[in-house]
C-alpha atoms as a PDB file:
ATOM      1  CA  MET A   1      63.728-155.716-103.976  1.00  0.00           C
ATOM      2  CA  GLN A   2      62.539-157.001-100.641  1.00  0.00           C
ATOM      3  CA  LEU A   3      59.060-156.358 -99.303  1.00  0.00           C
ATOM      4  CA  SER A   4      58.192-155.832 -95.655  1.00  0.00           C
ATOM      5  CA  VAL A   5      54.922-155.533 -93.793  1.00  0.00           C
ATOM      6  CA  HIS A   6      53.714-151.933 -93.851  1.00  0.00           C
ATOM      7  CA  HIS A   7      50.318-152.477 -92.240  1.00  0.00           C
ATOM      8  CA  LEU A   8      47.549-154.987 -91.758  1.00  0.00           C
ATOM      9  CA  ALA A   9      43.888-154.049 -91.601  1.00  0.00           C
ATOM     10  CA  VAL A  10      40.967-155.762 -89.924  1.00  0.00           C
ATOM     11  CA  VAL A  11      37.332-154.709 -90.267  1.00  0.00           C
ATOM     12  CA  THR A  12      35.239-154.873 -87.113  1.00  0.00           C
ATOM     13  CA  ALA A  13      31.583-154.703 -86.155  1.00  0.00           C
ATOM     14  CA  ASP A  14      32.441-152.770 -82.962  1.00  0.00           C
ATOM     15  CA  LEU A  15      35.460-150.472 -83.077  1.00  0.00           C
ATOM     16  CA  GLY A  16      35.563-149.855 -79.314  1.00  0.00           C
ATOM     17  CA  ARG A  17      35.389-153.558 -78.475  1.00  0.00           C
ATOM     18  CA  SER A  18      38.170-154.375 -80.951  1.00  0.00           C
ATOM     19  CA  GLU A  19      40.366-151.542 -79.691  1.00  0.00           C
ATOM     20  CA  ALA A  20      39.881-152.844 -76.146  1.00  0.00           C
ATOM     21  CA  PHE A  21      41.097-156.270 -77.320  1.00  0.00           C
ATOM     22  CA  TYR A  22      44.053-155.248 -79.476  1.00  0.00           C
ATOM     23  CA  SER A  23      45.221-152.305 -77.376  1.00  0.00           C
ATOM     24  CA  GLY A  24      43.887-153.067 -73.910  1.00  0.00           C
ATOM     25  CA  ILE A  25      44.467-156.830 -73.746  1.00  0.00           C
ATOM     26  CA  LEU A  26      47.264-157.367 -76.276  1.00  0.00           C
ATOM     27  CA  GLY A  27      48.944-154.052 -75.441  1.00  0.00           C
ATOM     28  CA  LEU A  28      49.390-152.634 -78.943  1.00  0.00           C
ATOM     29  CA  PRO A  29      49.941-148.871 -78.646  1.00  0.00           C
ATOM     30  CA  VAL A  30      47.458-146.472 -80.261  1.00  0.00           C
ATOM     31  CA  LEU A  31      49.247-144.495 -82.972  1.00  0.00           C
ATOM     32  CA  GLN A  32      46.365-142.558 -84.488  1.00  0.00           C
ATOM     33  CA  ARG A  33      42.579-142.322 -84.543  1.00  0.00           C
ATOM     34  CA  TRP A  34      40.513-141.437 -87.602  1.00  0.00           C
ATOM     35  CA  SER A  35      36.962-140.117 -87.868  1.00  0.00           C
ATOM     36  CA  ASP A  36      34.483-140.173 -90.734  1.00  0.00           C
ATOM     37  CA  PRO A  37      33.073-136.911 -92.221  1.00  0.00           C
ATOM     38  CA  GLU A  38      30.310-136.913 -89.580  1.00  0.00           C
ATOM     39  CA  GLY A  39      32.898-137.060 -86.789  1.00  0.00           C
ATOM     40  CA  ARG A  40      32.222-140.690 -85.774  1.00  0.00           C
ATOM     41  CA  ALA A  41      35.134-142.977 -84.965  1.00  0.00           C
ATOM     42  CA  ARG A  42      36.131-144.767 -88.193  1.00  0.00           C
ATOM     43  CA  SER A  43      39.525-146.319 -87.502  1.00  0.00           C
ATOM     44  CA  VAL A  44      42.303-146.719 -84.986  1.00  0.00           C
ATOM     45  CA  TRP A  45      45.895-147.497 -85.950  1.00  0.00           C
ATOM     46  CA  LEU A  46      47.882-149.626 -83.505  1.00  0.00           C
ATOM     47  CA  GLY A  47      51.659-150.066 -83.547  1.00  0.00           C
ATOM     48  CA  LEU A  48      53.108-153.474 -84.412  1.00  0.00           C
ATOM     49  CA  GLY A  49      56.798-152.555 -84.143  1.00  0.00           C
ATOM     50  CA  GLY A  50      59.323-152.013 -86.893  1.00  0.00           C
ATOM     51  CA  GLY A  51      57.180-149.218 -88.352  1.00  0.00           C
ATOM     52  CA  ALA A  52      54.246-151.527 -89.172  1.00  0.00           C
ATOM     53  CA  PHE A  53      50.755-150.967 -87.821  1.00  0.00           C
ATOM     54  CA  LEU A  54      47.380-152.664 -87.503  1.00  0.00           C
ATOM     55  CA  ALA A  55      44.482-150.615 -88.862  1.00  0.00           C
ATOM     56  CA  VAL A  56      41.257-151.540 -87.068  1.00  0.00           C
ATOM     57  CA  GLU A  57      38.436-150.266 -89.284  1.00  0.00           C
ATOM     58  CA  ARG A  58      34.721-149.909 -88.529  1.00  0.00           C
ATOM     59  CA  ALA A  59      32.635-152.158 -90.792  1.00  0.00           C
ATOM     60  CA  ALA A  60      30.058-150.576 -93.079  1.00  0.00           C
ATOM     61  CA  ALA A  61      27.949-153.766 -93.136  1.00  0.00           C
ATOM     62  CA  PRO A  62      27.447-156.599 -90.627  1.00  0.00           C
ATOM     63  CA  GLU A  63      27.834-159.412 -93.180  1.00  0.00           C
ATOM     64  CA  PRO A  64      29.104-161.519 -94.757  1.00  0.00           C
ATOM     65  CA  MET A  65      31.595-163.029 -92.316  1.00  0.00           C
ATOM     66  CA  ARG A  66      34.444-165.165 -93.699  1.00  0.00           C
ATOM     67  CA  SER A  67      34.618-168.720 -92.388  1.00  0.00           C
ATOM     68  CA  ASP A  68      37.952-170.393 -91.582  1.00  0.00           C
ATOM     69  CA  GLU A  69      37.408-172.827 -94.462  1.00  0.00           C
ATOM     70  CA  ALA A  70      36.947-170.093 -97.081  1.00  0.00           C
ATOM     71  CA  PRO A  71      39.796-168.545 -99.062  1.00  0.00           C
ATOM     72  CA  GLY A  72      41.325-165.441 -97.539  1.00  0.00           C
ATOM     73  CA  TRP A  73      43.677-164.464 -94.732  1.00  0.00           C
ATOM     74  CA  HIS A  74      43.618-167.157 -92.064  1.00  0.00           C
ATOM     75  CA  CYS A  75      45.128-165.371 -89.062  1.00  0.00           C
ATOM     76  CA  VAL A  76      47.546-162.731 -87.920  1.00  0.00           C
ATOM     77  CA  ALA A  77      50.322-163.923 -85.599  1.00  0.00           C
ATOM     78  CA  LEU A  78      52.063-161.550 -83.220  1.00  0.00           C
ATOM     79  CA  GLY A  79      55.423-162.306 -81.650  1.00  0.00           C
ATOM     80  CA  ILE A  80      55.841-163.134 -77.963  1.00  0.00           C
ATOM     81  CA  ALA A  81      58.730-164.530 -75.915  1.00  0.00           C
ATOM     82  CA  VAL A  82      58.520-168.253 -75.106  1.00  0.00           C
ATOM     83  CA  GLN A  83      58.963-167.497 -71.392  1.00  0.00           C
ATOM     84  CA  ASP A  84      55.834-165.278 -71.502  1.00  0.00           C
ATOM     85  CA  ARG A  85      53.555-167.987 -72.948  1.00  0.00           C
ATOM     86  CA  ALA A  86      51.905-168.953 -69.625  1.00  0.00           C
ATOM     87  CA  ARG A  87      51.391-165.286 -68.677  1.00  0.00           C
ATOM     88  CA  TRP A  88      49.748-164.601 -72.039  1.00  0.00           C
ATOM     89  CA  ARG A  89      47.480-167.617 -71.615  1.00  0.00           C
ATOM     90  CA  GLY A  90      46.404-166.376 -68.178  1.00  0.00           C
ATOM     91  CA  ARG A  91      45.885-162.813 -69.379  1.00  0.00           C
ATOM     92  CA  LEU A  92      43.728-163.919 -72.304  1.00  0.00           C
ATOM     93  CA  ILE A  93      41.608-166.261 -70.172  1.00  0.00           C
ATOM     94  CA  ALA A  94      41.152-163.613 -67.466  1.00  0.00           C
ATOM     95  CA  ALA A  95      39.934-161.179 -70.135  1.00  0.00           C
ATOM     96  CA  GLY A  96      37.398-163.694 -71.474  1.00  0.00           C
ATOM     97  CA  PHE A  97      39.371-164.788 -74.553  1.00  0.00           C
ATOM     98  CA  PRO A  98      40.298-168.451 -74.064  1.00  0.00           C
ATOM     99  CA  VAL A  99      42.962-170.127 -76.150  1.00  0.00           C
ATOM    100  CA  VAL A 100      41.086-172.031 -78.875  1.00  0.00           C
ATOM    101  CA  ARG A 101      44.042-174.116 -80.028  1.00  0.00           C
ATOM    102  CA  GLU A 102      47.797-174.193 -79.758  1.00  0.00           C
ATOM    103  CA  SER A 103      50.985-175.650 -81.153  1.00  0.00           C
ATOM    104  CA  ALA A 104      54.470-175.966 -79.721  1.00  0.00           C
ATOM    105  CA  PHE A 105      55.081-172.415 -80.987  1.00  0.00           C
ATOM    106  CA  THR A 106      51.773-170.545 -80.933  1.00  0.00           C
ATOM    107  CA  LEU A 107      48.673-169.834 -78.840  1.00  0.00           C
ATOM    108  CA  TYR A 108      45.557-169.083 -80.911  1.00  0.00           C
ATOM    109  CA  VAL A 109      42.673-166.927 -79.724  1.00  0.00           C
ATOM    110  CA  ARG A 110      39.657-165.295 -81.407  1.00  0.00           C
ATOM    111  CA  ASP A 111      39.277-161.525 -81.413  1.00  0.00           C
ATOM    112  CA  PRO A 112      35.827-160.005 -80.673  1.00  0.00           C
ATOM    113  CA  ASP A 113      34.760-160.544 -84.307  1.00  0.00           C
ATOM    114  CA  GLY A 114      35.946-164.153 -84.369  1.00  0.00           C
ATOM    115  CA  ASN A 115      39.163-163.527 -86.324  1.00  0.00           C
ATOM    116  CA  LEU A 116      42.011-165.879 -85.463  1.00  0.00           C
ATOM    117  CA  VAL A 117      44.986-164.224 -83.721  1.00  0.00           C
ATOM    118  CA  GLY A 118      48.162-166.119 -82.924  1.00  0.00           C
ATOM    119  CA  LEU A 119      50.721-165.302 -80.256  1.00  0.00           C
ATOM    120  CA  SER A 120      53.865-167.004 -81.483  1.00  0.00           C
ATOM    121  CA  HIS A 121      57.399-167.578 -80.254  1.00  0.00           C
ATOM    122  CA  HIS A 122      58.587-169.482 -83.346  1.00  0.00           C
ATOM    123  CA  PRO A 123      61.257-170.815 -83.889  1.00  0.00           C
ATOM    124  CA  VAL A 124      61.711-171.556 -80.161  1.00  0.00           C
ATOM    125  CA  PRO A 125      59.297-174.341 -79.103  1.00  0.00           C
ATOM    126  CA  ASP A 126      57.560-174.415 -75.744  1.00  0.00           C
ATOM    127  CA  PRO A 127      59.704-176.769 -73.638  1.00  0.00           C
ATOM    128  CA  LEU A 128      56.538-178.095 -71.957  1.00  0.00           C
ATOM    129  CA  ARG A 129      55.019-179.299 -75.256  1.00  0.00           C
ATOM    130  CA  GLU A 130      56.076-181.934 -77.722  1.00  0.00           C
ATOM    131  CA  PRO A 131      58.008-180.351 -80.595  1.00  0.00           C
ATOM    132  CA  PRO A 132      56.519-180.787 -84.060  1.00  0.00           C
ATOM    133  CA  CYS A 133      57.869-183.604 -86.220  1.00  0.00           C
END
């Protein structure tokens, strides 16, 4: 039996701000919105392709926040085309989300809650960067 990604979920302090990042800046399409029993926005599901989705969920508490050094999911990486790398860099910077690090395959940025998001074109390296050893 082979497993595939069904969905990923991220919990956010500000649902609107995170939707603006994932849908507005990264371009993930809104599939569905969910409300809590009081009618407040609780979650938005964004399409990832291949039937998978990203569930962006409103946090019930502001803390604790996971640090990069702690156990847990490190990042989510979304696929891009190598020829779009420079355009993605420009789009992220223009939106106020600078690239925090990069490799020959991936640009890394922080979402509004500080979660690491990669934009990756692996296995095709960026021809302008040194390939990994």
